[in-house]
Amino acid sequence: MTIDQATKKLIDALKQTCGSFGLGNDGNEYKIIIQVFLYKYFNDKFGYEAKRTPIFGERLTAAERWDAEYDTFTPDEVLDLFDFLPAGTPRLRPEHTIAHLYNAQG
């Protein structure tokens, strides 16, 4: 499956989800889909840059799942990590990663 096909499949799944919750065939449907893609980009960008930091990069890269390891960071470690991130990189706290939000849903 090409990236184009995978993207179209994801968009179709998101449209189906919107339709299930009464947002189908509405102008807001595309706003929601764009916001999901934007949040996914922020999550991936943060993870990529966090794994490149000098102090925490090795720890996050060595973990089976970087976001699960990030959930174990203390508040001070999170702030220290933020200090090493390049300007323009989103700063996500552990509870704001996609994996954490997914696992926290009831």
Protein backbone atom coordinates (compact mmCIF):
# COMPACT_ATOMS: atom_id res chain seq x y z
CA MET A 1 0.00 0.00 0.00
CA THR A 2 1.42 3.39 -0.99
CA ILE A 3 1.42 6.41 1.30
CA ASP A 4 -1.26 7.97 -0.91
CA GLN A 5 -3.53 4.94 -0.53
CA ALA A 6 -2.89 4.76 3.23
CA THR A 7 -3.71 8.46 3.61
CA LYS A 8 -6.96 8.11 1.67
CA LYS A 9 -7.88 5.05 3.74
CA LEU A 10 -7.24 7.03 6.94
CA ILE A 11 -9.33 9.96 5.71
CA ASP A 12 -12.19 7.59 4.84
CA ALA A 13 -12.00 6.07 8.33
CA LEU A 14 -12.04 9.53 9.92
CA LYS A 15 -15.03 10.54 7.77
CA GLN A 16 -16.83 7.39 8.87
CA THR A 17 -16.10 8.23 12.51
CA CYS A 18 -17.42 11.76 11.99
CA GLY A 19 -20.57 10.33 10.42
CA SER A 20 -21.05 7.98 13.38
CA PHE A 21 -21.12 10.94 15.74
CA GLY A 22 -23.48 13.08 13.66
CA LEU A 23 -20.83 15.25 12.03
CA GLY A 24 -20.97 13.67 8.57
CA ASN A 25 -21.71 15.81 5.51
CA ASP A 26 -21.07 18.91 7.55
CA GLY A 27 -18.49 21.65 7.02
CA ASN A 28 -17.03 20.83 10.40
CA GLU A 29 -16.19 17.31 9.25
CA TYR A 30 -13.15 18.53 7.35
CA LYS A 31 -12.10 20.83 10.20
CA ILE A 32 -12.03 17.83 12.52
CA ILE A 33 -10.04 15.74 10.04
CA ILE A 34 -7.49 18.53 9.54
CA GLN A 35 -7.17 18.99 13.31
CA VAL A 36 -6.51 15.27 13.75
CA PHE A 37 -3.75 15.37 11.13
CA LEU A 38 -2.27 18.50 12.72
CA TYR A 39 -2.27 16.92 16.19
CA LYS A 40 -0.66 13.78 14.76
CA TYR A 41 2.03 15.95 13.16
CA PHE A 42 2.68 17.72 16.50
CA ASN A 43 2.92 14.37 18.27
CA ASP A 44 5.34 12.92 15.70
CA LYS A 45 7.45 16.09 15.52
CA PHE A 46 7.75 16.20 19.31
CA GLY A 47 8.73 12.52 19.49
CA TYR A 48 11.31 12.90 16.73
CA GLU A 49 12.96 15.92 18.35
CA ALA A 50 12.76 14.46 21.88
CA LYS A 51 14.64 11.37 20.73
CA ARG A 52 17.40 13.62 19.37
CA THR A 53 18.08 15.47 22.64
CA PRO A 54 21.47 14.88 24.27
CA ILE A 55 20.27 13.86 27.74
CA PHE A 56 16.99 12.04 27.12
CA GLY A 57 17.36 10.95 23.50
CA GLU A 58 19.10 7.66 24.23
CA ARG A 59 16.55 6.75 26.91
CA LEU A 60 13.62 7.43 24.59
CA THR A 61 15.20 5.73 21.59
CA ALA A 62 16.14 2.60 23.57
CA ALA A 63 12.57 2.16 24.83
CA GLU A 64 10.23 -0.18 23.01
CA ARG A 65 7.74 2.70 22.80
CA TRP A 66 9.10 6.19 23.32
CA ASP A 67 5.73 7.59 24.41
CA ALA A 68 5.32 4.93 27.13
CA GLU A 69 8.80 5.81 28.42
CA TYR A 70 7.93 9.49 28.28
CA ASP A 71 4.93 8.77 30.53
CA THR A 72 7.42 7.79 33.26
CA PHE A 73 9.22 11.16 33.22
CA THR A 74 9.04 13.27 36.36
CA PRO A 75 7.76 16.86 36.01
CA ASP A 76 11.34 18.12 36.36
CA GLU A 77 12.55 15.78 33.60
CA VAL A 78 9.78 17.04 31.32
CA LEU A 79 10.88 20.65 31.89
CA ASP A 80 14.52 19.68 31.32
CA LEU A 81 13.56 17.98 28.07
CA PHE A 82 11.71 21.11 26.94
CA ASP A 83 14.93 23.11 27.47
CA PHE A 84 16.74 20.93 24.92
CA LEU A 85 14.08 21.04 22.21
CA PRO A 86 14.72 23.31 19.22
CA ALA A 87 12.63 26.43 18.79
CA GLY A 88 9.42 25.75 16.93
CA THR A 89 9.06 22.23 18.33
CA PRO A 90 5.71 21.59 20.02
CA ARG A 91 6.02 20.97 23.75
CA LEU A 92 3.74 18.09 24.70
CA ARG A 93 3.48 16.93 28.27
CA PRO A 94 3.26 13.14 28.76
CA GLU A 95 -0.52 13.27 29.21
CA HIS A 96 -0.87 15.05 25.84
CA THR A 97 0.70 12.41 23.58
CA ILE A 98 -1.64 10.51 21.29
CA ALA A 99 -0.79 7.17 22.91
CA HIS A 100 -1.55 8.50 26.38
CA LEU A 101 -4.87 10.02 25.26
CA TYR A 102 -5.82 6.80 23.49
CA ASN A 103 -4.99 4.67 26.54
CA ALA A 104 -6.85 7.03 28.87
CA GLN A 105 -10.15 6.87 27.00
CA GLY A 106 -12.92 4.99 28.73
